[in-house]
């Protein structure tokens, strides 16, 4: 259905979708596509070239050509707006009405409103998520559950930071001049057009999280997009603020360069876990056993290479006046087992205490019940201060090899870990194919990053002929046998709720990417083609 010249909306347009997909909004999407799609394509090709260099050398390091940026102590990012100075607890989640309301009411300072990893990118999720954010920002969002329970926003709520899809993903339902638009630009532009002016008039602004960047040149592209988009919608340059997730090993070596490229729009950096491990496997998948990780659940933020990563992030941020935001506490409290809760909450508390002691300015949780725990920990360290930007961490001196000290990671590859990867991968993909991108599995909130590390670890173990704790070796035959067994176990556990066709598609998809001869860069690319 053409809406304006050169733009073809191929998705259905039920009630209220026209409020999001307006001609002015689509005009901005089209303009950004025409101006920046060639650079996006070029940068995606550059990712392959970077990966080839890593494969050829078996290593990576800080870039000589940007040494002057790192060594110049004079530059800093823009001063934070008033409502972003205190970020001590941030909650993440998708943008459906119920979860959005619960997140905004949770007591967290920030809500990461997610169109990426915690979201299955169905057409309805993308458009209705934008509608929900428009309504929430104007305090008119409500929800009535099938059981009659009503949900409404409190007077004081979290501040939204919107995470658009990564550069590698398209939005196939919107074509510009016959080409699908970037999912990143689509998500970013729609939120900006419909909310920037209103938010700025009410003392806030259009704030974002940027996922899966692999280089400072990708950050430069985002900055140029911001400049063009702010001019297009008529808001002052610098209104946009962005926090970048450092969730790729290549970006870890370019933290300061990324902040530099975005400095008039930069707010901070975030230290994730699953996507970071996924990136290490992706880039060093054929570099030998020294890069083979133990069970993913055994790789904590205290592993030597993860400590180097988080300490470098805090130091890099605070030298430049940017916020350092810690990783995810994904535990979902049990309503039936207080012992499970006590054990898990103790681990959550210890993790947040480590982050606060290291100088992080805030941290992530996945469930409202974890907000009080994280808040208590950061309150104890911060007191009345809004952040720890004054802790420059000048004691940190990461030379580069520390980020690749994978072989020093404690833990083992186990048969239980292999089964867990397979079971979680199957269950998550089945939910994702059904339109749900944030899924509670084994008392953890799982998202697409989970599925990526799960299938990547299976691929890595099989490719490196890893021996498990029971003496077996990870082979194609073993993986196929365990997939069949875990598939049957999930069918039994779910009973009448088991969706055979959807789980069969999930199984075939998981096996396809976990056992492929050539490692697929992103699971979500073939998975997106299977979405209804």
Protein backbone atom coordinates (compact mmCIF):
# COMPACT_ATOMS: atom_id res chain seq x y z
CA UNK A 1 0.00 0.00 0.00
CA UNK A 2 1.91 3.11 -1.16
CA UNK A 3 1.58 5.93 1.38
CA UNK A 4 3.93 8.56 -0.04
CA UNK A 5 6.16 8.64 -3.07
CA UNK A 6 8.51 5.67 -3.17
CA UNK A 7 7.27 4.20 0.13
CA UNK A 8 5.28 0.98 0.13
CA UNK A 9 3.83 -0.29 3.41
CA UNK A 10 3.23 -3.99 2.90
CA UNK A 11 2.07 -4.85 6.41
CA UNK A 12 -1.61 -4.77 7.39
CA UNK A 13 -3.03 -1.50 8.72
CA UNK A 14 -5.62 -2.24 11.42
CA UNK A 15 -7.05 0.33 13.81
CA UNK A 16 -4.64 3.08 14.96
CA UNK A 17 -1.67 1.92 12.84
CA UNK A 18 -2.19 5.04 10.74
CA UNK A 19 -1.34 7.08 13.87
CA UNK A 20 2.19 5.66 13.71
CA UNK A 21 2.67 5.21 9.96
CA UNK A 22 1.82 8.79 9.08
CA UNK A 23 3.06 10.42 5.86
CA UNK A 24 5.43 12.74 7.80
CA UNK A 25 6.89 9.84 9.77
CA UNK A 26 7.35 7.68 6.68
CA UNK A 27 8.89 10.64 4.88
CA UNK A 28 11.60 10.80 7.56
CA UNK A 29 12.13 7.02 7.32
CA UNK A 30 12.45 7.31 3.53
CA UNK A 31 14.85 10.25 3.73
CA UNK A 32 17.11 8.46 6.21
CA UNK A 33 17.03 5.31 4.07
CA UNK A 34 18.02 7.15 0.91
CA UNK A 35 20.81 9.06 2.64
CA UNK A 36 22.32 6.32 4.77
CA UNK A 37 21.48 2.89 3.33
CA UNK A 38 24.67 2.80 1.19
CA UNK A 39 26.80 3.41 4.29
CA UNK A 40 24.92 0.82 6.30
CA UNK A 41 25.54 -1.75 3.56
CA UNK A 42 29.20 -0.78 3.39
CA UNK A 43 29.62 -1.15 7.16
CA UNK A 44 27.93 -4.54 7.15
CA UNK A 45 30.44 -5.65 4.52
CA UNK A 46 33.22 -4.26 6.70
CA UNK A 47 32.11 -6.56 9.50
CA UNK A 48 32.91 -9.53 7.29
CA UNK A 49 36.32 -8.06 6.45
CA UNK A 50 37.04 -7.53 10.15
CA UNK A 51 36.06 -11.10 10.92
CA UNK A 52 38.37 -12.34 8.13
CA UNK A 53 41.31 -10.40 9.61
CA UNK A 54 40.66 -11.91 13.03
CA UNK A 55 40.47 -15.38 11.49
CA UNK A 56 43.77 -14.83 9.70
CA UNK A 57 45.66 -13.48 12.72
CA UNK A 58 43.86 -15.15 15.63
CA UNK A 59 43.89 -11.90 17.58
CA UNK A 60 42.63 -8.34 17.82
CA UNK A 61 43.94 -5.18 19.44
CA UNK A 62 43.47 -1.46 19.97
CA UNK A 63 43.60 0.47 16.70
CA UNK A 64 46.77 2.42 15.90
CA UNK A 65 44.94 4.85 13.63
CA UNK A 66 42.73 6.07 16.50
CA UNK A 67 45.44 6.27 19.15
CA UNK A 68 45.18 10.09 19.20
CA UNK A 69 41.50 9.86 20.21
CA UNK A 70 42.35 7.59 23.14
CA UNK A 71 45.35 9.64 24.26
CA UNK A 72 43.72 13.08 23.98
CA UNK A 73 42.41 13.77 27.49
CA UNK A 74 40.68 17.03 26.55
CA UNK A 75 37.41 15.79 25.07
CA UNK A 76 34.29 14.75 26.95
CA UNK A 77 30.78 13.78 26.01
CA UNK A 78 27.93 16.26 26.35
CA UNK A 79 26.62 17.07 29.82
CA UNK A 80 23.70 14.78 30.67
CA UNK A 81 20.19 16.21 30.76
CA UNK A 82 18.70 16.48 34.25
CA UNK A 83 16.52 13.37 33.99
CA UNK A 84 19.45 11.15 32.95
CA UNK A 85 21.86 12.06 35.74
CA UNK A 86 20.67 9.28 38.03
CA UNK A 87 20.46 5.85 36.40
CA UNK A 88 21.12 3.62 39.39
CA UNK A 89 18.57 0.96 38.39
CA UNK A 90 17.31 0.24 34.89
CA UNK A 91 14.70 -2.35 33.95
CA UNK A 92 14.50 -3.89 30.50
CA UNK A 93 11.66 -5.41 28.54
CA UNK A 94 9.43 -5.37 25.50
CA UNK A 95 6.89 -2.71 24.64
CA UNK A 96 3.58 -4.57 24.98
CA UNK A 97 1.18 -2.58 27.16
CA UNK A 98 1.15 -4.73 30.29
CA UNK A 99 4.93 -5.20 30.54
CA UNK A 100 5.57 -1.57 29.69
CA UNK A 101 3.24 -0.37 32.43
CA UNK A 102 4.75 -2.76 34.98
CA UNK A 103 8.26 -1.65 34.05
CA UNK A 104 7.44 2.04 34.27
CA UNK A 105 5.77 1.49 37.66
CA UNK A 106 8.60 -0.70 39.01
CA UNK A 107 10.57 1.98 40.84
CA UNK A 108 13.47 1.73 38.40
CA UNK A 109 14.90 5.03 37.17
CA UNK A 110 15.08 3.91 33.52
CA UNK A 111 13.11 1.52 31.31
CA UNK A 112 14.86 0.07 28.28
CA UNK A 113 11.89 -0.17 25.91
CA UNK A 114 13.08 -2.93 23.66
CA UNK A 115 12.46 -3.43 19.96
CA UNK A 116 15.51 -5.68 19.75
CA UNK A 117 16.57 -8.73 21.81
CA UNK A 118 13.51 -8.86 24.11
CA UNK A 119 11.20 -8.44 21.15
CA UNK A 120 10.04 -10.76 18.40
CA UNK A 121 9.94 -8.38 15.39
CA UNK A 122 6.48 -9.20 14.12
CA UNK A 123 4.76 -6.37 12.30
CA UNK A 124 2.22 -6.00 15.10
CA UNK A 125 4.91 -5.88 17.81
CA UNK A 126 6.82 -3.15 15.99
CA UNK A 127 3.86 -0.88 15.28
CA UNK A 128 1.86 -1.49 18.44
CA UNK A 129 5.00 -1.01 20.51
CA UNK A 130 5.34 2.46 19.00
CA UNK A 131 1.69 3.17 19.78
CA UNK A 132 2.18 2.07 23.38
CA UNK A 133 5.16 4.39 23.78
CA UNK A 134 3.24 7.32 22.29
CA UNK A 135 0.41 6.68 24.77
CA UNK A 136 2.74 6.04 27.71
CA UNK A 137 4.70 9.25 27.20
CA UNK A 138 1.40 11.14 27.25
CA UNK A 139 0.25 9.21 30.35
CA UNK A 140 -2.79 7.70 28.67
CA UNK A 141 -1.66 4.06 28.37
CA UNK A 142 -3.77 1.47 30.19
CA UNK A 143 -4.42 -2.24 29.90
CA UNK A 144 -7.16 -4.63 30.99
CA UNK A 145 -6.13 -8.27 31.31
CA UNK A 146 -8.43 -11.15 30.30
CA UNK A 147 -9.05 -11.83 34.01
CA UNK A 148 -10.29 -8.27 34.49
CA UNK A 149 -7.23 -6.85 36.22
CA UNK A 150 -6.53 -3.28 35.18
CA UNK A 151 -3.12 -1.70 34.71
CA UNK A 152 -2.39 2.04 34.61
CA UNK A 153 0.66 4.24 34.96
CA UNK A 154 1.64 5.76 38.29
CA UNK A 155 2.32 9.46 38.59
CA UNK A 156 6.08 8.89 38.92
CA UNK A 157 7.48 6.44 36.40
CA UNK A 158 10.69 5.27 34.80
CA UNK A 159 12.20 7.25 31.91
CA UNK A 160 12.13 5.38 28.59
CA UNK A 161 15.25 4.64 26.56
CA UNK A 162 14.27 2.97 23.31
CA UNK A 163 16.43 0.23 21.82
CA UNK A 164 15.94 -0.09 18.05
CA UNK A 165 16.99 -3.18 16.14
CA UNK A 166 20.63 -3.67 15.17
CA UNK A 167 22.15 -2.49 11.90
CA UNK A 168 22.01 -5.99 10.43
CA UNK A 169 18.20 -6.32 10.55
CA UNK A 170 15.68 -5.11 7.97
CA UNK A 171 12.00 -4.18 8.28
CA UNK A 172 10.58 -6.21 5.42
CA UNK A 173 7.09 -4.68 5.67
CA UNK A 174 8.22 -1.21 4.57
CA UNK A 175 9.93 -0.70 1.21
CA UNK A 176 11.58 2.50 0.04
CA UNK A 177 12.17 2.59 -3.71
CA UNK A 178 11.62 -1.16 -3.73
CA UNK A 179 14.15 -1.96 -0.95
CA UNK A 180 13.34 -2.99 2.63
CA UNK A 181 14.32 -0.31 5.12
CA UNK A 182 16.75 -0.80 7.95
CA UNK A 183 15.00 -2.00 11.11
CA UNK A 184 17.28 0.35 13.04
CA UNK A 185 16.18 3.42 11.11
CA UNK A 186 12.51 2.40 11.12
CA UNK A 187 12.35 1.93 14.91
CA UNK A 188 14.48 4.98 15.64
CA UNK A 189 12.67 7.37 13.32
CA UNK A 190 9.13 6.47 14.31
CA UNK A 191 9.87 7.04 17.98
CA UNK A 192 11.66 10.31 17.28
CA UNK A 193 8.98 11.77 15.02
CA UNK A 194 6.10 11.01 17.39
CA UNK A 195 7.75 11.75 20.74
CA UNK A 196 10.75 14.09 20.51
CA UNK A 197 8.87 17.38 20.51
CA UNK A 198 6.47 16.33 23.26
CA UNK A 199 9.26 15.00 25.50
CA UNK A 200 11.40 18.10 25.09
CA UNK A 201 8.43 20.33 25.94
CA UNK A 202 7.96 18.32 29.14
CA UNK A 203 11.53 18.36 30.41
CA UNK A 204 12.82 15.12 28.93
CA UNK A 205 14.01 14.04 25.50
CA UNK A 206 14.35 11.27 22.94
CA UNK A 207 16.76 8.80 24.52
CA UNK A 208 18.05 5.56 23.00
CA UNK A 209 20.11 2.44 23.54
CA UNK A 210 22.16 1.37 20.50
CA UNK A 211 22.77 -2.39 20.13
CA UNK A 212 25.44 -4.59 18.57
CA UNK A 213 27.80 -1.94 17.23
CA UNK A 214 31.03 -3.49 15.99
CA UNK A 215 33.13 -0.38 15.32
CA UNK A 216 33.42 3.35 15.90
CA UNK A 217 32.48 3.85 12.24
CA UNK A 218 29.07 2.37 13.01
CA UNK A 219 28.78 4.88 15.85
CA UNK A 220 29.73 7.64 13.40
CA UNK A 221 26.89 6.53 11.16
CA UNK A 222 24.46 6.74 14.07
CA UNK A 223 25.70 10.23 14.91
CA UNK A 224 25.17 11.39 11.34
CA UNK A 225 21.68 9.85 11.40
CA UNK A 226 20.94 11.75 14.62
CA UNK A 227 22.05 15.07 13.13
CA UNK A 228 19.95 14.59 10.00
CA UNK A 229 16.89 13.34 11.88
CA UNK A 230 16.92 16.17 14.44
CA UNK A 231 16.99 18.68 11.60
CA UNK A 232 14.16 16.84 9.83
CA UNK A 233 11.84 16.89 12.85
CA UNK A 234 12.83 20.38 13.97
CA UNK A 235 14.40 19.72 17.36
CA UNK A 236 17.73 21.17 18.55
CA UNK A 237 20.92 19.34 17.69
CA UNK A 238 22.00 17.33 20.72
CA UNK A 239 18.45 16.60 21.86
CA UNK A 240 19.01 12.89 21.24
CA UNK A 241 21.06 11.00 23.82
CA UNK A 242 22.31 7.48 23.23
CA UNK A 243 23.82 4.78 25.40
CA UNK A 244 25.79 2.17 23.48
CA UNK A 245 25.81 -1.49 24.41
CA UNK A 246 29.38 -2.76 24.24
CA UNK A 247 28.35 -6.29 23.41
CA UNK A 248 30.86 -7.21 20.72
CA UNK A 249 34.55 -7.96 21.20
CA UNK A 250 35.49 -5.58 18.38
CA UNK A 251 33.62 -2.70 20.04
CA UNK A 252 35.37 -3.49 23.34
CA UNK A 253 38.62 -2.38 21.71
CA UNK A 254 37.00 0.87 20.51
CA UNK A 255 35.05 2.09 23.54
CA UNK A 256 36.59 5.55 23.63
CA UNK A 257 36.39 5.93 19.87
CA UNK A 258 32.66 5.09 20.00
CA UNK A 259 32.09 7.72 22.68
CA UNK A 260 34.12 10.21 20.65
CA UNK A 261 32.05 9.71 17.49
CA UNK A 262 28.81 10.17 19.44
CA UNK A 263 30.11 12.73 21.92
CA UNK A 264 27.46 15.42 21.29
CA UNK A 265 24.78 12.73 21.69
CA UNK A 266 26.49 10.18 23.95
CA UNK A 267 25.15 9.28 27.36
CA UNK A 268 27.15 6.18 28.28
CA UNK A 269 28.10 2.58 27.65
CA UNK A 270 26.61 -0.67 28.91
CA UNK A 271 28.39 -3.92 29.77
CA UNK A 272 26.31 -6.91 28.71
CA UNK A 273 27.04 -10.61 28.96
CA UNK A 274 25.38 -13.02 26.54
CA UNK A 275 25.85 -11.00 23.36
CA UNK A 276 29.46 -10.32 24.35
CA UNK A 277 30.15 -14.06 24.73
CA UNK A 278 28.29 -14.70 21.48
CA UNK A 279 30.55 -12.17 19.74
CA UNK A 280 33.70 -13.83 21.07
CA UNK A 281 32.59 -17.21 19.75
CA UNK A 282 31.57 -15.67 16.42
CA UNK A 283 34.89 -13.92 15.89
CA UNK A 284 37.20 -16.63 17.22
CA UNK A 285 35.18 -19.68 16.24
CA UNK A 286 38.02 -21.22 14.25
CA UNK A 287 40.93 -19.94 16.36
CA UNK A 288 41.43 -23.12 18.39
CA UNK A 289 40.59 -24.55 21.82
CA UNK A 290 42.05 -21.56 23.71
CA UNK A 291 38.90 -19.66 22.73
CA UNK A 292 36.47 -22.44 23.68
CA UNK A 293 34.23 -21.39 26.55
CA UNK A 294 32.95 -23.63 29.35
CA UNK A 295 29.22 -23.89 30.13
CA UNK A 296 27.70 -20.48 29.44
CA UNK A 297 26.09 -20.33 32.89
CA UNK A 298 29.54 -20.86 34.43
CA UNK A 299 31.00 -17.80 32.68
CA UNK A 300 30.36 -15.03 35.19
CA UNK A 301 31.39 -11.40 35.17
CA UNK A 302 34.26 -12.34 37.51
CA UNK A 303 36.06 -14.41 34.85
CA UNK A 304 39.39 -12.68 34.11
CA UNK A 305 38.48 -11.63 30.56
CA UNK A 306 35.10 -10.34 31.73
CA UNK A 307 36.67 -8.40 34.60
CA UNK A 308 39.03 -6.73 32.12
CA UNK A 309 36.06 -5.83 29.92
CA UNK A 310 33.98 -4.29 32.72
CA UNK A 311 36.85 -2.40 34.32
CA UNK A 312 37.92 -0.98 30.95
CA UNK A 313 34.33 0.12 30.33
CA UNK A 314 34.03 2.01 33.64
CA UNK A 315 37.41 3.65 33.15
CA UNK A 316 36.69 4.61 29.52
CA UNK A 317 33.30 6.09 30.41
CA UNK A 318 34.30 8.09 33.46
CA UNK A 319 37.35 9.61 31.79
CA UNK A 320 34.92 11.11 29.29
CA UNK A 321 32.01 12.05 31.55
CA UNK A 322 29.83 9.17 30.33
CA UNK A 323 27.79 6.77 32.43
CA UNK A 324 28.84 3.15 32.90
CA UNK A 325 25.82 0.86 33.17
CA UNK A 326 26.19 -2.70 34.39
CA UNK A 327 24.77 -5.96 33.14
CA UNK A 328 21.55 -7.87 33.51
CA UNK A 329 20.12 -9.65 36.52
CA UNK A 330 17.82 -12.04 34.66
CA UNK A 331 16.39 -14.03 37.59
CA UNK A 332 12.60 -14.40 37.70
CA UNK A 333 11.47 -14.89 41.31
CA UNK A 334 9.52 -18.07 42.01
CA UNK A 335 6.06 -17.79 43.54
CA UNK A 336 6.40 -21.25 45.07
CA UNK A 337 9.99 -21.88 46.16
CA UNK A 338 11.44 -19.41 48.69
CA UNK A 339 14.68 -21.41 48.87
CA UNK A 340 15.31 -20.91 45.14
CA UNK A 341 14.58 -17.22 45.59
CA UNK A 342 16.94 -16.84 48.54
CA UNK A 343 19.83 -18.45 46.69
CA UNK A 344 19.25 -16.50 43.48
CA UNK A 345 18.70 -13.15 45.20
CA UNK A 346 21.95 -13.58 47.11
CA UNK A 347 23.74 -13.98 43.78
CA UNK A 348 21.96 -10.95 42.34
CA UNK A 349 22.93 -8.88 45.36
CA UNK A 350 26.57 -9.96 45.15
CA UNK A 351 26.69 -9.15 41.43
CA UNK A 352 25.23 -5.67 41.96
CA UNK A 353 27.59 -5.05 44.87
CA UNK A 354 30.53 -5.88 42.60
CA UNK A 355 29.26 -3.43 39.97
CA UNK A 356 28.64 -0.63 42.45
CA UNK A 357 32.06 -1.16 44.05
CA UNK A 358 33.74 -1.09 40.63
CA UNK A 359 32.28 2.34 39.89
CA UNK A 360 29.28 1.56 37.71
CA UNK A 361 26.60 4.26 37.80
CA UNK A 362 23.73 1.82 37.55
CA UNK A 363 22.70 -1.64 36.48
CA UNK A 364 20.01 -3.69 34.74
CA UNK A 365 17.30 -5.99 36.04
CA UNK A 366 14.76 -8.00 34.08
CA UNK A 367 11.94 -8.21 36.63
CA UNK A 368 10.24 -5.61 38.87
CA UNK A 369 10.85 -7.76 41.96
CA UNK A 370 14.61 -7.26 41.51
CA UNK A 371 14.41 -3.46 41.48
CA UNK A 372 14.45 -3.13 45.31
CA UNK A 373 17.53 -5.37 45.59
CA UNK A 374 19.53 -3.42 43.01
CA UNK A 375 18.27 -0.10 44.37
CA UNK A 376 19.33 -0.96 47.91
CA UNK A 377 22.83 -1.88 46.73
CA UNK A 378 23.38 1.27 44.68
CA UNK A 379 21.75 3.48 47.34
CA UNK A 380 24.29 2.17 49.84
CA UNK A 381 27.18 3.26 47.61
CA UNK A 382 25.74 6.42 46.04
CA UNK A 383 23.76 7.87 48.92
CA UNK A 384 22.47 11.24 47.75
CA UNK A 385 24.87 11.38 44.79
CA UNK A 386 23.25 10.68 41.42
CA UNK A 387 26.20 8.74 39.96
CA UNK A 388 29.89 7.87 40.30
CA UNK A 389 31.30 9.93 37.43
CA UNK A 390 33.92 11.29 39.81
CA UNK A 391 35.48 7.81 40.14
CA UNK A 392 37.85 7.93 37.18
CA UNK A 393 39.34 4.47 37.84
CA UNK A 394 42.82 5.65 36.88
CA UNK A 395 44.11 2.44 38.46
CA UNK A 396 42.78 0.49 35.46
CA UNK A 397 45.45 -0.28 32.86
CA UNK A 398 44.14 -2.75 30.30
CA UNK A 399 46.71 -3.34 27.55
CA UNK A 400 44.51 -5.49 25.31
CA UNK A 401 45.47 -9.16 25.73
CA UNK A 402 43.52 -9.27 29.01
CA UNK A 403 40.29 -9.01 27.01
CA UNK A 404 41.18 -12.27 25.26
CA UNK A 405 42.26 -14.31 28.31
CA UNK A 406 39.54 -16.85 27.55
CA UNK A 407 41.69 -19.84 28.51
CA UNK A 408 41.83 -18.61 32.12
CA UNK A 409 38.05 -18.90 32.50
CA UNK A 410 37.12 -21.37 35.25
CA UNK A 411 34.51 -24.03 34.57
CA UNK A 412 34.01 -27.02 32.33
CA UNK A 413 31.97 -28.10 29.35
CA UNK A 414 29.31 -30.46 30.68
CA UNK A 415 26.57 -32.68 29.34
CA UNK A 416 24.12 -30.74 31.54
CA UNK A 417 25.30 -27.49 29.95
CA UNK A 418 24.82 -28.91 26.47
CA UNK A 419 21.31 -30.05 27.35
CA UNK A 420 20.52 -26.66 28.84
CA UNK A 421 21.69 -24.85 25.70
CA UNK A 422 19.49 -27.08 23.56
CA UNK A 423 16.40 -26.92 25.77
CA UNK A 424 16.57 -23.15 26.26
CA UNK A 425 17.25 -22.63 22.57
CA UNK A 426 14.25 -24.73 21.55
CA UNK A 427 11.87 -23.14 24.04
CA UNK A 428 12.98 -19.60 23.30
CA UNK A 429 12.80 -19.98 19.53
CA UNK A 430 9.33 -21.51 19.73
CA UNK A 431 8.15 -18.52 21.76
CA UNK A 432 9.92 -16.07 19.43
CA UNK A 433 8.30 -17.61 16.37
CA UNK A 434 4.98 -17.13 18.18
CA UNK A 435 5.65 -13.41 18.66
CA UNK A 436 7.08 -13.39 22.20
CA UNK A 437 10.65 -12.14 22.58
CA UNK A 438 10.99 -12.12 26.40
CA UNK A 439 10.45 -15.59 27.83
CA UNK A 440 10.72 -16.99 31.36
CA UNK A 441 12.63 -20.31 31.18
CA UNK A 442 14.02 -22.10 34.24
CA UNK A 443 13.45 -18.99 36.41
CA UNK A 444 15.41 -16.72 34.06
CA UNK A 445 14.15 -14.07 31.68
CA UNK A 446 15.59 -15.09 28.33
CA UNK A 447 15.86 -13.06 25.14
CA UNK A 448 17.41 -13.40 21.69
CA UNK A 449 20.92 -12.98 23.11
CA UNK A 450 20.33 -16.18 25.09
CA UNK A 451 19.41 -18.11 21.97
CA UNK A 452 22.44 -16.71 20.16
CA UNK A 453 24.94 -17.81 22.82
CA UNK A 454 23.18 -21.17 23.28
CA UNK A 455 23.35 -22.13 19.59
CA UNK A 456 26.84 -20.60 19.25
CA UNK A 457 28.19 -22.66 22.12
CA UNK A 458 26.77 -25.86 20.62
CA UNK A 459 28.39 -24.93 17.29
CA UNK A 460 31.73 -24.15 18.95
CA UNK A 461 31.82 -27.34 21.01
CA UNK A 462 30.98 -29.50 18.03
CA UNK A 463 33.46 -27.72 15.75
CA UNK A 464 36.25 -28.15 18.33
CA UNK A 465 35.40 -31.75 19.23
CA UNK A 466 35.00 -30.74 22.89
CA UNK A 467 35.04 -33.50 25.50
CA UNK A 468 32.30 -33.18 28.12
CA UNK A 469 32.47 -34.02 31.81
CA UNK A 470 30.88 -37.45 31.20
CA UNK A 471 33.60 -38.39 28.72
CA UNK A 472 31.48 -37.99 25.61
CA UNK A 473 32.53 -35.75 22.74
CA UNK A 474 30.23 -33.20 21.13
CA UNK A 475 29.41 -34.53 17.70
CA UNK A 476 26.62 -33.91 15.23
CA UNK A 477 25.09 -37.25 16.22
CA UNK A 478 25.14 -36.40 19.94
CA UNK A 479 23.58 -32.99 19.34
CA UNK A 480 20.80 -34.47 17.20
CA UNK A 481 20.08 -37.12 19.84
CA UNK A 482 19.89 -34.56 22.63
CA UNK A 483 17.72 -32.24 20.54
CA UNK A 484 15.25 -35.11 20.09
CA UNK A 485 15.32 -35.89 23.80
CA UNK A 486 14.87 -32.27 24.91
CA UNK A 487 12.12 -31.79 22.32
CA UNK A 488 10.27 -34.76 23.83
CA UNK A 489 10.87 -33.48 27.37
CA UNK A 490 9.36 -30.09 26.55
CA UNK A 491 6.39 -31.77 24.88
CA UNK A 492 5.76 -33.80 28.04
CA UNK A 493 6.18 -30.78 30.32
CA UNK A 494 3.78 -28.59 28.34
CA UNK A 495 1.14 -31.22 27.66
CA UNK A 496 -1.85 -29.75 25.85
CA UNK A 497 -0.08 -26.37 25.59
CA UNK A 498 2.62 -27.83 23.34
CA UNK A 499 2.39 -26.31 19.84
CA UNK A 500 3.80 -29.12 17.69
CA UNK A 501 4.16 -27.19 14.41
CA UNK A 502 5.85 -24.21 16.07
CA UNK A 503 8.23 -26.33 18.13
CA UNK A 504 9.07 -28.36 15.03
CA UNK A 505 10.01 -25.15 13.22
CA UNK A 506 12.06 -24.09 16.25
CA UNK A 507 13.84 -27.44 16.35
CA UNK A 508 14.68 -27.32 12.65
CA UNK A 509 15.90 -23.74 12.95
CA UNK A 510 18.06 -24.48 16.00
CA UNK A 511 19.62 -27.56 14.42
CA UNK A 512 20.19 -25.67 11.20
CA UNK A 513 22.26 -22.91 12.83
CA UNK A 514 23.93 -25.03 15.53
CA UNK A 515 25.10 -27.72 13.10
CA UNK A 516 25.79 -25.64 9.98
CA UNK A 517 29.21 -26.07 8.37
CA UNK A 518 29.46 -22.30 7.92
CA UNK A 519 28.57 -20.39 11.07
CA UNK A 520 25.56 -18.08 10.47
CA UNK A 521 26.37 -14.61 11.80
CA UNK A 522 22.93 -14.05 13.34
CA UNK A 523 20.26 -16.55 14.26
CA UNK A 524 17.62 -13.84 13.91
CA UNK A 525 18.24 -13.46 10.17
CA UNK A 526 16.94 -16.92 9.14
CA UNK A 527 14.42 -16.79 12.00
CA UNK A 528 12.93 -13.51 10.75
CA UNK A 529 12.13 -15.14 7.43
CA UNK A 530 9.96 -17.64 9.30
CA UNK A 531 7.88 -15.08 11.20
CA UNK A 532 4.26 -14.81 10.08
